[in-house]
Amino acid sequence: MISILEHIEYLMAGHDCVIVPGFGAFIARYDSAYCESDGINWHRPERQISFNGELIHNDGLLAGSIMRKEGCAFGVANDAISESVASFHKQLSVEGELSFGSIGIFKIKNKNIVFVPRRANVYDFYGIGSFSMRPLCAAELPGKDKIDGNWRFSLNKDYLKIAASILVLLVLSFVLSTPISNKKGQQEYASMSTFGISSEGAFPYVSEVKELAISLPPRDTDSVVVRGYKSGGGSVVDNDKYFLIVCSVLSQAEADKFIAGQSGNYTYKVLAKNGKYRVYVATGNSVNELMKLKYAIADDYPDAWVHYSR
């Protein structure tokens, strides 16, 4: 059974009148925000919901909402409305009361249906509430007294102790977190090398040169020694630390399947380590030994890469 109550609540949020065919109409009246005569108490805007049992014709608004939500025909939507209205009347006649979600409550009083709207419902204008605001001229400033036309400020001694403690902690944290060297002549300068002060003036000189390990692509004139590039062109040496990888899988079976599907004239071997199986075609003792080969086989294996294995 399709529940029409959620459709009525949804439609009331954006419409001033929602008719339930055969039952009645819910009507929303807008009350704007206002201030009481004292100028202090302000009241939020509200929508007051009322009910008119005389408006029972079908304007199609409720049926259209059901059709969009349930994806059904107009006749099916009207049948759902009729079934719900029949259950509403039955509950009122048996129990004498009908709760209508966030909209309100229906009660039977003196054989008449009485609608009591809920004060707290979804139509609360985005949480805006009533409030009180006193004018500044009437407000008394706390923490000071006026004597002979002059203002005298009084401070809480406990607050002063807390503020002084915080100030001491801040100073100590700054002093302890800033290292200061007392050794003269041992200042260090920011660089990749160790600097000192020359005898000719205040100019740094390099006292120690450190080598940077940066791998560069090999030049055409470099001498490259690789093993295993093609069958007959050398053998793969297992003791080498650098491997030219063409495939990386998670099992030996996948590695064997990859090798079986290759048609190139390469020496394929598998490096199994740390749960990974890497298929390589060459080894070497340095990166530069394999970089030139990587570019040479780019047509066959554009994603090949050099792996270092300890």
C-alpha atoms as a PDB file:
ATOM      1  CA  MET A   1       0.000   0.000   0.000  1.00  0.00           C
ATOM      2  CA  ILE A   2       1.318   3.417  -0.988  1.00  0.00           C
ATOM      3  CA  SER A   3       1.570   5.848   1.936  1.00  0.00           C
ATOM      4  CA  ILE A   4       0.300   9.287   0.974  1.00  0.00           C
ATOM      5  CA  LEU A   5       1.316  10.950   4.268  1.00  0.00           C
ATOM      6  CA  GLU A   6       4.927  11.546   3.188  1.00  0.00           C
ATOM      7  CA  HIS A   7       3.680  13.082  -0.064  1.00  0.00           C
ATOM      8  CA  ILE A   8       1.398  15.473   1.854  1.00  0.00           C
ATOM      9  CA  GLU A   9       4.282  16.551   4.133  1.00  0.00           C
ATOM     10  CA  TYR A  10       6.534  17.073   1.108  1.00  0.00           C
ATOM     11  CA  LEU A  11       3.948  19.142  -0.764  1.00  0.00           C
ATOM     12  CA  MET A  12       3.146  21.298   2.282  1.00  0.00           C
ATOM     13  CA  ALA A  13       6.761  22.462   2.388  1.00  0.00           C
ATOM     14  CA  GLY A  14       6.354  24.207  -0.970  1.00  0.00           C
ATOM     15  CA  HIS A  15       2.609  24.829  -1.368  1.00  0.00           C
ATOM     16  CA  ASP A  16       0.084  26.874   0.570  1.00  0.00           C
ATOM     17  CA  CYS A  17      -2.783  24.454  -0.120  1.00  0.00           C
ATOM     18  CA  VAL A  18      -2.726  20.657  -0.491  1.00  0.00           C
ATOM     19  CA  ILE A  19      -6.053  18.909  -1.091  1.00  0.00           C
ATOM     20  CA  VAL A  20      -6.567  15.277  -0.128  1.00  0.00           C
ATOM     21  CA  PRO A  21      -9.505  14.164  -2.326  1.00  0.00           C
ATOM     22  CA  GLY A  22     -12.397  12.857  -0.238  1.00  0.00           C
ATOM     23  CA  PHE A  23     -10.808  14.001   3.049  1.00  0.00           C
ATOM     24  CA  GLY A  24     -10.086  17.745   3.058  1.00  0.00           C
ATOM     25  CA  ALA A  25      -7.473  20.428   2.419  1.00  0.00           C
ATOM     26  CA  PHE A  26      -4.452  21.581   4.424  1.00  0.00           C
ATOM     27  CA  ILE A  27      -3.948  25.334   4.169  1.00  0.00           C
ATOM     28  CA  ALA A  28      -0.824  27.245   5.237  1.00  0.00           C
ATOM     29  CA  ARG A  29      -1.050  30.860   6.421  1.00  0.00           C
ATOM     30  CA  TYR A  30       2.133  32.934   6.695  1.00  0.00           C
ATOM     31  CA  ASP A  31       2.722  35.129   9.732  1.00  0.00           C
ATOM     32  CA  SER A  32       5.644  37.535   9.399  1.00  0.00           C
ATOM     33  CA  ALA A  33       8.184  38.218  12.117  1.00  0.00           C
ATOM     34  CA  TYR A  34       7.287  40.958  14.598  1.00  0.00           C
ATOM     35  CA  CYS A  35       8.553  42.681  17.728  1.00  0.00           C
ATOM     36  CA  GLU A  36       6.490  43.244  20.864  1.00  0.00           C
ATOM     37  CA  SER A  37       5.748  46.710  22.106  1.00  0.00           C
ATOM     38  CA  ASP A  38       8.572  46.564  24.668  1.00  0.00           C
ATOM     39  CA  GLY A  39      11.123  46.470  21.833  1.00  0.00           C
ATOM     40  CA  ILE A  40      12.929  43.533  23.443  1.00  0.00           C
ATOM     41  CA  ASN A  41      11.119  40.316  22.467  1.00  0.00           C
ATOM     42  CA  TRP A  42      11.247  39.359  18.787  1.00  0.00           C
ATOM     43  CA  HIS A  43       9.186  36.553  17.263  1.00  0.00           C
ATOM     44  CA  ARG A  44      10.209  34.521  14.244  1.00  0.00           C
ATOM     45  CA  PRO A  45       8.098  34.169  11.066  1.00  0.00           C
ATOM     46  CA  GLU A  46       5.756  31.175  11.087  1.00  0.00           C
ATOM     47  CA  ARG A  47       3.426  29.210   8.850  1.00  0.00           C
ATOM     48  CA  GLN A  48       0.197  28.262  10.609  1.00  0.00           C
ATOM     49  CA  ILE A  49      -1.397  25.084   9.229  1.00  0.00           C
ATOM     50  CA  SER A  50      -5.192  24.792   9.214  1.00  0.00           C
ATOM     51  CA  PHE A  51      -7.632  22.220   7.818  1.00  0.00           C
ATOM     52  CA  ASN A  52     -10.768  22.665   5.716  1.00  0.00           C
ATOM     53  CA  GLY A  53     -12.927  19.562   5.405  1.00  0.00           C
ATOM     54  CA  GLU A  54     -15.115  21.139   2.694  1.00  0.00           C
ATOM     55  CA  LEU A  55     -12.386  21.181   0.019  1.00  0.00           C
ATOM     56  CA  ILE A  56     -12.425  17.560  -1.161  1.00  0.00           C
ATOM     57  CA  HIS A  57     -12.231  17.860  -4.962  1.00  0.00           C
ATOM     58  CA  ASN A  58      -9.308  16.315  -6.800  1.00  0.00           C
ATOM     59  CA  ASP A  59      -6.978  18.998  -8.197  1.00  0.00           C
ATOM     60  CA  GLY A  60      -4.322  16.425  -9.239  1.00  0.00           C
ATOM     61  CA  LEU A  61      -1.517  17.848  -7.079  1.00  0.00           C
ATOM     62  CA  LEU A  62      -1.296  14.913  -4.648  1.00  0.00           C
ATOM     63  CA  ALA A  63      -1.835  12.326  -7.394  1.00  0.00           C
ATOM     64  CA  GLY A  64       0.942  13.897  -9.483  1.00  0.00           C
ATOM     65  CA  SER A  65       3.410  13.599  -6.598  1.00  0.00           C
ATOM     66  CA  ILE A  66       2.558   9.917  -6.149  1.00  0.00           C
ATOM     67  CA  MET A  67       2.935   9.295  -9.907  1.00  0.00           C
ATOM     68  CA  ARG A  68       6.420  10.851  -9.947  1.00  0.00           C
ATOM     69  CA  LYS A  69       7.619   8.957  -6.863  1.00  0.00           C
ATOM     70  CA  GLU A  70       6.109   5.538  -7.577  1.00  0.00           C
ATOM     71  CA  GLY A  71       6.256   5.668 -11.385  1.00  0.00           C
ATOM     72  CA  CYS A  72       2.600   4.636 -11.671  1.00  0.00           C
ATOM     73  CA  ALA A  73      -0.415   5.756 -13.717  1.00  0.00           C
ATOM     74  CA  PHE A  74      -2.916   8.439 -12.668  1.00  0.00           C
ATOM     75  CA  GLY A  75      -5.611   5.855 -11.906  1.00  0.00           C
ATOM     76  CA  VAL A  76      -3.280   3.860  -9.646  1.00  0.00           C
ATOM     77  CA  ALA A  77      -2.373   7.031  -7.740  1.00  0.00           C
ATOM     78  CA  ASN A  78      -6.052   7.914  -7.217  1.00  0.00           C
ATOM     79  CA  ASP A  79      -6.768   4.378  -5.978  1.00  0.00           C
ATOM     80  CA  ALA A  80      -3.944   4.724  -3.430  1.00  0.00           C
ATOM     81  CA  ILE A  81      -5.421   8.038  -2.225  1.00  0.00           C
ATOM     82  CA  SER A  82      -8.891   6.492  -1.870  1.00  0.00           C
ATOM     83  CA  GLU A  83      -7.534   3.549   0.144  1.00  0.00           C
ATOM     84  CA  SER A  84      -5.594   5.859   2.483  1.00  0.00           C
ATOM     85  CA  VAL A  85      -8.607   8.168   3.000  1.00  0.00           C
ATOM     86  CA  ALA A  86     -10.774   5.148   3.855  1.00  0.00           C
ATOM     87  CA  SER A  87      -8.219   4.039   6.459  1.00  0.00           C
ATOM     88  CA  PHE A  88      -8.120   7.590   7.902  1.00  0.00           C
ATOM     89  CA  HIS A  89     -11.883   7.640   8.411  1.00  0.00           C
ATOM     90  CA  LYS A  90     -11.840   4.134   9.894  1.00  0.00           C
ATOM     91  CA  GLN A  91      -9.143   4.986  12.430  1.00  0.00           C
ATOM     92  CA  LEU A  92     -11.000   8.154  13.472  1.00  0.00           C
ATOM     93  CA  SER A  93     -14.241   6.268  13.962  1.00  0.00           C
ATOM     94  CA  VAL A  94     -12.608   3.437  15.935  1.00  0.00           C
ATOM     95  CA  GLU A  95      -9.921   5.210  17.985  1.00  0.00           C
ATOM     96  CA  GLY A  96     -11.201   8.779  17.900  1.00  0.00           C
ATOM     97  CA  GLU A  97      -7.762  10.160  17.026  1.00  0.00           C
ATOM     98  CA  LEU A  98      -5.512  10.241  13.966  1.00  0.00           C
ATOM     99  CA  SER A  99      -1.871  11.378  13.992  1.00  0.00           C
ATOM    100  CA  PHE A 100      -0.884  13.081  10.747  1.00  0.00           C
ATOM    101  CA  GLY A 101       2.915  13.044  10.996  1.00  0.00           C
ATOM    102  CA  SER A 102       4.600  16.420  11.452  1.00  0.00           C
ATOM    103  CA  ILE A 103       1.481  18.300  10.299  1.00  0.00           C
ATOM    104  CA  GLY A 104      -0.862  17.754  13.240  1.00  0.00           C
ATOM    105  CA  ILE A 105      -3.439  15.525  14.937  1.00  0.00           C
ATOM    106  CA  PHE A 106      -7.137  14.895  14.166  1.00  0.00           C
ATOM    107  CA  LYS A 107      -9.532  14.271  17.046  1.00  0.00           C
ATOM    108  CA  ILE A 108     -13.231  13.525  17.331  1.00  0.00           C
ATOM    109  CA  LYS A 109     -14.949  16.069  19.604  1.00  0.00           C
ATOM    110  CA  ASN A 110     -18.725  16.261  19.888  1.00  0.00           C
ATOM    111  CA  LYS A 111     -19.009  14.072  16.776  1.00  0.00           C
ATOM    112  CA  ASN A 112     -16.972  16.618  14.791  1.00  0.00           C
ATOM    113  CA  ILE A 113     -13.478  16.270  13.404  1.00  0.00           C
ATOM    114  CA  VAL A 114     -11.081  18.777  14.993  1.00  0.00           C
ATOM    115  CA  PHE A 115      -7.605  19.436  13.622  1.00  0.00           C
ATOM    116  CA  VAL A 116      -4.824  20.448  16.038  1.00  0.00           C
ATOM    117  CA  PRO A 117      -1.634  21.608  14.220  1.00  0.00           C
ATOM    118  CA  ARG A 118       1.766  20.795  15.650  1.00  0.00           C
ATOM    119  CA  ARG A 119       3.766  23.775  16.885  1.00  0.00           C
ATOM    120  CA  ALA A 120       7.155  22.146  16.154  1.00  0.00           C
ATOM    121  CA  ASN A 121       7.191  20.894  12.592  1.00  0.00           C
ATOM    122  CA  VAL A 122       9.291  21.056   9.443  1.00  0.00           C
ATOM    123  CA  TYR A 123       8.011  24.516   8.572  1.00  0.00           C
ATOM    124  CA  ASP A 124      10.297  26.366  11.001  1.00  0.00           C
ATOM    125  CA  PHE A 125      12.059  28.665   8.503  1.00  0.00           C
ATOM    126  CA  TYR A 126      15.482  27.011   8.626  1.00  0.00           C
ATOM    127  CA  GLY A 127      15.764  26.920  12.418  1.00  0.00           C
ATOM    128  CA  ILE A 128      15.217  30.653  12.997  1.00  0.00           C
ATOM    129  CA  GLY A 129      13.895  31.096  16.533  1.00  0.00           C
ATOM    130  CA  SER A 130      12.448  33.876  18.640  1.00  0.00           C
ATOM    131  CA  PHE A 131      14.874  35.923  20.722  1.00  0.00           C
ATOM    132  CA  SER A 132      15.178  38.846  23.120  1.00  0.00           C
ATOM    133  CA  MET A 133      17.421  41.852  22.468  1.00  0.00           C
ATOM    134  CA  ARG A 134      17.892  44.643  24.988  1.00  0.00           C
ATOM    135  CA  PRO A 135      18.987  48.085  23.785  1.00  0.00           C
ATOM    136  CA  LEU A 136      22.579  49.039  24.617  1.00  0.00           C
ATOM    137  CA  CYS A 137      21.467  52.116  26.533  1.00  0.00           C
ATOM    138  CA  ALA A 138      19.562  49.900  28.988  1.00  0.00           C
ATOM    139  CA  ALA A 139      22.280  47.278  29.429  1.00  0.00           C
ATOM    140  CA  GLU A 140      24.586  47.406  32.432  1.00  0.00           C
ATOM    141  CA  LEU A 141      28.203  46.687  31.699  1.00  0.00           C
ATOM    142  CA  PRO A 142      29.449  43.912  34.033  1.00  0.00           C
ATOM    143  CA  GLY A 143      32.671  44.199  36.045  1.00  0.00           C
ATOM    144  CA  LYS A 144      32.671  47.978  36.635  1.00  0.00           C
ATOM    145  CA  ASP A 145      31.029  50.548  38.879  1.00  0.00           C
ATOM    146  CA  LYS A 146      30.412  54.236  38.362  1.00  0.00           C
ATOM    147  CA  ILE A 147      31.544  56.505  41.167  1.00  0.00           C
ATOM    148  CA  ASP A 148      31.320  60.324  40.989  1.00  0.00           C
ATOM    149  CA  GLY A 149      30.886  60.236  37.212  1.00  0.00           C
ATOM    150  CA  ASN A 150      33.968  58.028  36.666  1.00  0.00           C
ATOM    151  CA  TRP A 151      34.071  54.306  35.842  1.00  0.00           C
ATOM    152  CA  ARG A 152      35.998  51.993  38.150  1.00  0.00           C
ATOM    153  CA  PHE A 153      36.920  48.585  36.748  1.00  0.00           C
ATOM    154  CA  SER A 154      37.263  45.527  39.002  1.00  0.00           C
ATOM    155  CA  LEU A 155      39.299  42.531  37.894  1.00  0.00           C
ATOM    156  CA  ASN A 156      39.125  38.994  39.186  1.00  0.00           C
ATOM    157  CA  LYS A 157      42.444  37.989  40.809  1.00  0.00           C
ATOM    158  CA  ASP A 158      41.998  34.341  39.776  1.00  0.00           C
ATOM    159  CA  TYR A 159      41.862  35.391  36.115  1.00  0.00           C
ATOM    160  CA  LEU A 160      45.071  37.409  36.558  1.00  0.00           C
ATOM    161  CA  LYS A 161      46.873  34.360  38.016  1.00  0.00           C
ATOM    162  CA  ILE A 162      45.761  32.175  35.119  1.00  0.00           C
ATOM    163  CA  ALA A 163      46.872  34.764  32.542  1.00  0.00           C
ATOM    164  CA  ALA A 164      50.278  35.112  34.226  1.00  0.00           C
ATOM    165  CA  SER A 165      50.756  31.313  34.262  1.00  0.00           C
ATOM    166  CA  ILE A 166      49.953  31.071  30.560  1.00  0.00           C
ATOM    167  CA  LEU A 167      52.422  33.861  29.777  1.00  0.00           C
ATOM    168  CA  VAL A 168      55.216  32.097  31.710  1.00  0.00           C
ATOM    169  CA  LEU A 169      54.541  28.799  29.891  1.00  0.00           C
ATOM    170  CA  LEU A 170      54.675  30.532  26.505  1.00  0.00           C
ATOM    171  CA  VAL A 171      58.026  32.168  27.308  1.00  0.00           C
ATOM    172  CA  LEU A 172      59.532  28.883  28.576  1.00  0.00           C
ATOM    173  CA  SER A 173      58.325  26.946  25.522  1.00  0.00           C
ATOM    174  CA  PHE A 174      59.918  29.519  23.212  1.00  0.00           C
ATOM    175  CA  VAL A 175      63.250  29.479  25.077  1.00  0.00           C
ATOM    176  CA  LEU A 176      63.487  25.690  25.374  1.00  0.00           C
ATOM    177  CA  SER A 177      62.480  25.025  21.753  1.00  0.00           C
ATOM    178  CA  THR A 178      65.123  27.372  20.255  1.00  0.00           C
ATOM    179  CA  PRO A 179      68.597  25.742  20.341  1.00  0.00           C
ATOM    180  CA  ILE A 180      71.506  28.198  20.793  1.00  0.00           C
ATOM    181  CA  SER A 181      75.089  27.141  20.242  1.00  0.00           C
ATOM    182  CA  ASN A 182      77.712  28.651  22.561  1.00  0.00           C
ATOM    183  CA  LYS A 183      80.689  27.335  20.575  1.00  0.00           C
ATOM    184  CA  LYS A 184      82.453  30.064  18.615  1.00  0.00           C
ATOM    185  CA  GLY A 185      83.683  29.453  15.121  1.00  0.00           C
ATOM    186  CA  GLN A 186      81.486  26.371  14.569  1.00  0.00           C
ATOM    187  CA  GLN A 187      78.532  27.977  12.841  1.00  0.00           C
ATOM    188  CA  GLU A 188      77.059  25.885  10.012  1.00  0.00           C
ATOM    189  CA  TYR A 189      75.734  27.264   6.769  1.00  0.00           C
ATOM    190  CA  ALA A 190      72.848  25.793   4.755  1.00  0.00           C
ATOM    191  CA  SER A 191      74.212  23.852   1.797  1.00  0.00           C
ATOM    192  CA  MET A 192      74.849  20.420   0.364  1.00  0.00           C
ATOM    193  CA  SER A 193      78.478  20.681   1.479  1.00  0.00           C
ATOM    194  CA  THR A 194      80.336  21.683   4.647  1.00  0.00           C
ATOM    195  CA  PHE A 195      81.362  25.363   4.561  1.00  0.00           C
ATOM    196  CA  GLY A 196      83.850  27.391   6.576  1.00  0.00           C
ATOM    197  CA  ILE A 197      85.180  30.951   6.673  1.00  0.00           C
ATOM    198  CA  SER A 198      88.234  31.710   4.504  1.00  0.00           C
ATOM    199  CA  SER A 199      91.171  33.739   5.803  1.00  0.00           C
ATOM    200  CA  GLU A 200      90.685  36.338   3.080  1.00  0.00           C
ATOM    201  CA  GLY A 201      87.268  37.448   4.195  1.00  0.00           C
ATOM    202  CA  ALA A 202      83.801  36.405   5.164  1.00  0.00           C
ATOM    203  CA  PHE A 203      83.318  34.129   2.149  1.00  0.00           C
ATOM    204  CA  PRO A 204      82.434  30.428   2.487  1.00  0.00           C
ATOM    205  CA  TYR A 205      84.718  27.870   0.928  1.00  0.00           C
ATOM    206  CA  VAL A 206      83.951  24.213   0.256  1.00  0.00           C
ATOM    207  CA  SER A 207      85.834  21.981   2.681  1.00  0.00           C
ATOM    208  CA  GLU A 208      84.158  18.720   1.714  1.00  0.00           C
ATOM    209  CA  VAL A 209      82.467  17.712  -1.548  1.00  0.00           C
ATOM    210  CA  LYS A 210      79.701  15.121  -1.347  1.00  0.00           C
ATOM    211  CA  GLU A 211      78.723  13.041  -4.347  1.00  0.00           C
ATOM    212  CA  LEU A 212      75.068  13.111  -5.387  1.00  0.00           C
ATOM    213  CA  ALA A 213      73.733   9.775  -6.675  1.00  0.00           C
ATOM    214  CA  ILE A 214      71.607  10.971  -9.629  1.00  0.00           C
ATOM    215  CA  SER A 215      70.746   8.554 -12.419  1.00  0.00           C
ATOM    216  CA  LEU A 216      70.931  10.120 -15.890  1.00  0.00           C
ATOM    217  CA  PRO A 217      69.900   8.569 -19.232  1.00  0.00           C
ATOM    218  CA  PRO A 218      72.962   7.188 -21.024  1.00  0.00           C
ATOM    219  CA  ARG A 219      74.470   9.031 -23.977  1.00  0.00           C
ATOM    220  CA  ASP A 220      74.994   7.352 -27.334  1.00  0.00           C
ATOM    221  CA  THR A 221      78.736   7.337 -26.684  1.00  0.00           C
ATOM    222  CA  ASP A 222      78.429   5.501 -23.340  1.00  0.00           C
ATOM    223  CA  SER A 223      79.808   1.991 -23.107  1.00  0.00           C
ATOM    224  CA  VAL A 224      76.925  -0.278 -22.063  1.00  0.00           C
ATOM    225  CA  VAL A 225      77.464  -3.814 -20.854  1.00  0.00           C
ATOM    226  CA  VAL A 226      74.274  -5.842 -20.508  1.00  0.00           C
ATOM    227  CA  ARG A 227      73.593  -9.520 -20.148  1.00  0.00           C
ATOM    228  CA  GLY A 228      70.659 -11.414 -21.537  1.00  0.00           C
ATOM    229  CA  TYR A 229      69.376  -8.836 -24.033  1.00  0.00           C
ATOM    230  CA  LYS A 230      68.780 -11.447 -26.772  1.00  0.00           C
ATOM    231  CA  SER A 231      69.429 -15.128 -27.051  1.00  0.00           C
ATOM    232  CA  GLY A 232      73.054 -15.685 -27.954  1.00  0.00           C
ATOM    233  CA  GLY A 233      73.993 -12.111 -27.016  1.00  0.00           C
ATOM    234  CA  GLY A 234      75.020 -12.932 -23.443  1.00  0.00           C
ATOM    235  CA  SER A 235      73.691 -14.677 -20.397  1.00  0.00           C
ATOM    236  CA  VAL A 236      71.625 -13.377 -17.495  1.00  0.00           C
ATOM    237  CA  VAL A 237      73.717 -13.215 -14.326  1.00  0.00           C
ATOM    238  CA  ASP A 238      71.729 -13.894 -11.154  1.00  0.00           C
ATOM    239  CA  ASN A 239      74.232 -12.038  -8.963  1.00  0.00           C
ATOM    240  CA  ASP A 240      73.623  -8.699 -10.680  1.00  0.00           C
ATOM    241  CA  LYS A 241      71.718  -6.118  -8.643  1.00  0.00           C
ATOM    242  CA  TYR A 242      69.830  -4.353 -11.452  1.00  0.00           C
ATOM    243  CA  PHE A 243      67.103  -6.011 -13.543  1.00  0.00           C
ATOM    244  CA  LEU A 244      65.283  -4.743 -16.631  1.00  0.00           C
ATOM    245  CA  ILE A 245      61.648  -5.645 -15.835  1.00  0.00           C
ATOM    246  CA  VAL A 246      59.038  -6.077 -18.582  1.00  0.00           C
ATOM    247  CA  CYS A 247      56.189  -7.545 -16.511  1.00  0.00           C
ATOM    248  CA  SER A 248      55.190  -7.740 -12.822  1.00  0.00           C
ATOM    249  CA  VAL A 249      52.508 -10.205 -11.609  1.00  0.00           C
ATOM    250  CA  LEU A 250      51.395 -11.845  -8.370  1.00  0.00           C
ATOM    251  CA  SER A 251      52.021 -15.542  -9.098  1.00  0.00           C
ATOM    252  CA  GLN A 252      54.450 -17.854 -10.883  1.00  0.00           C
ATOM    253  CA  ALA A 253      51.627 -19.178 -13.067  1.00  0.00           C
ATOM    254  CA  GLU A 254      50.864 -15.674 -14.356  1.00  0.00           C
ATOM    255  CA  ALA A 255      54.559 -15.089 -15.049  1.00  0.00           C
ATOM    256  CA  ASP A 256      54.812 -18.387 -16.996  1.00  0.00           C
ATOM    257  CA  LYS A 257      51.687 -17.490 -18.957  1.00  0.00           C
ATOM    258  CA  PHE A 258      53.156 -14.099 -19.864  1.00  0.00           C
ATOM    259  CA  ILE A 259      56.458 -15.641 -21.048  1.00  0.00           C
ATOM    260  CA  ALA A 260      54.599 -18.296 -23.108  1.00  0.00           C
ATOM    261  CA  GLY A 261      52.721 -15.556 -24.953  1.00  0.00           C
ATOM    262  CA  GLN A 262      55.840 -13.608 -25.998  1.00  0.00           C
ATOM    263  CA  SER A 263      57.250 -13.902 -29.520  1.00  0.00           C
ATOM    264  CA  GLY A 264      60.344 -11.709 -29.130  1.00  0.00           C
ATOM    265  CA  ASN A 265      63.852 -13.143 -29.235  1.00  0.00           C
ATOM    266  CA  TYR A 266      64.634 -12.327 -25.601  1.00  0.00           C
ATOM    267  CA  THR A 267      65.952 -14.267 -22.626  1.00  0.00           C
ATOM    268  CA  TYR A 268      63.076 -14.271 -20.118  1.00  0.00           C
ATOM    269  CA  LYS A 269      63.587 -15.076 -16.457  1.00  0.00           C
ATOM    270  CA  VAL A 270      61.507 -14.544 -13.324  1.00  0.00           C
ATOM    271  CA  LEU A 271      62.619 -12.687 -10.171  1.00  0.00           C
ATOM    272  CA  ALA A 272      60.425 -13.892  -7.281  1.00  0.00           C
ATOM    273  CA  LYS A 273      60.655 -11.702  -4.181  1.00  0.00           C
ATOM    274  CA  ASN A 274      58.304 -10.325  -1.516  1.00  0.00           C
ATOM    275  CA  GLY A 275      55.225 -11.967  -3.012  1.00  0.00           C
ATOM    276  CA  LYS A 276      55.788 -10.481  -6.487  1.00  0.00           C
ATOM    277  CA  TYR A 277      56.998 -12.206  -9.651  1.00  0.00           C
ATOM    278  CA  ARG A 278      58.852  -9.923 -12.044  1.00  0.00           C
ATOM    279  CA  VAL A 279      59.768 -11.030 -15.574  1.00  0.00           C
ATOM    280  CA  TYR A 280      63.083  -9.537 -16.708  1.00  0.00           C
ATOM    281  CA  VAL A 281      65.107  -9.736 -19.918  1.00  0.00           C
ATOM    282  CA  ALA A 282      68.507  -8.415 -18.820  1.00  0.00           C
ATOM    283  CA  THR A 283      70.662  -7.700 -15.769  1.00  0.00           C
ATOM    284  CA  GLY A 284      73.521  -5.357 -14.953  1.00  0.00           C
ATOM    285  CA  ASN A 285      75.647  -3.878 -12.196  1.00  0.00           C
ATOM    286  CA  SER A 286      74.411  -0.293 -12.557  1.00  0.00           C
ATOM    287  CA  VAL A 287      71.425   1.663 -13.779  1.00  0.00           C
ATOM    288  CA  ASN A 288      73.286   3.152 -16.739  1.00  0.00           C
ATOM    289  CA  GLU A 289      74.075  -0.316 -18.029  1.00  0.00           C
ATOM    290  CA  LEU A 290      70.364  -0.993 -18.516  1.00  0.00           C
ATOM    291  CA  MET A 291      68.992   2.436 -19.444  1.00  0.00           C
ATOM    292  CA  LYS A 292      70.238   2.279 -23.042  1.00  0.00           C
ATOM    293  CA  LEU A 293      68.721  -1.184 -23.411  1.00  0.00           C
ATOM    294  CA  LYS A 294      65.434   0.137 -22.029  1.00  0.00           C
ATOM    295  CA  TYR A 295      65.274   2.657 -24.870  1.00  0.00           C
ATOM    296  CA  ALA A 296      66.332   0.003 -27.392  1.00  0.00           C
ATOM    297  CA  ILE A 297      63.426  -2.306 -26.558  1.00  0.00           C
ATOM    298  CA  ALA A 298      60.860   0.507 -26.192  1.00  0.00           C
ATOM    299  CA  ASP A 299      59.022  -0.646 -29.332  1.00  0.00           C
ATOM    300  CA  ASP A 300      58.379  -4.079 -27.795  1.00  0.00           C
ATOM    301  CA  TYR A 301      58.106  -3.064 -24.135  1.00  0.00           C
ATOM    302  CA  PRO A 302      57.371   0.667 -23.757  1.00  0.00           C
ATOM    303  CA  ASP A 303      56.647   0.229 -20.022  1.00  0.00           C
ATOM    304  CA  ALA A 304      59.896  -1.560 -19.144  1.00  0.00           C
ATOM    305  CA  TRP A 305      61.675  -0.298 -16.031  1.00  0.00           C
ATOM    306  CA  VAL A 306      64.895  -0.869 -14.104  1.00  0.00           C
ATOM    307  CA  HIS A 307      64.533  -2.575 -10.726  1.00  0.00           C
ATOM    308  CA  TYR A 308      67.153  -2.659  -7.986  1.00  0.00           C
ATOM    309  CA  SER A 309      67.173  -5.822  -5.905  1.00  0.00           C
ATOM    310  CA  ARG A 310      69.239  -5.981  -2.725  1.00  0.00           C
END
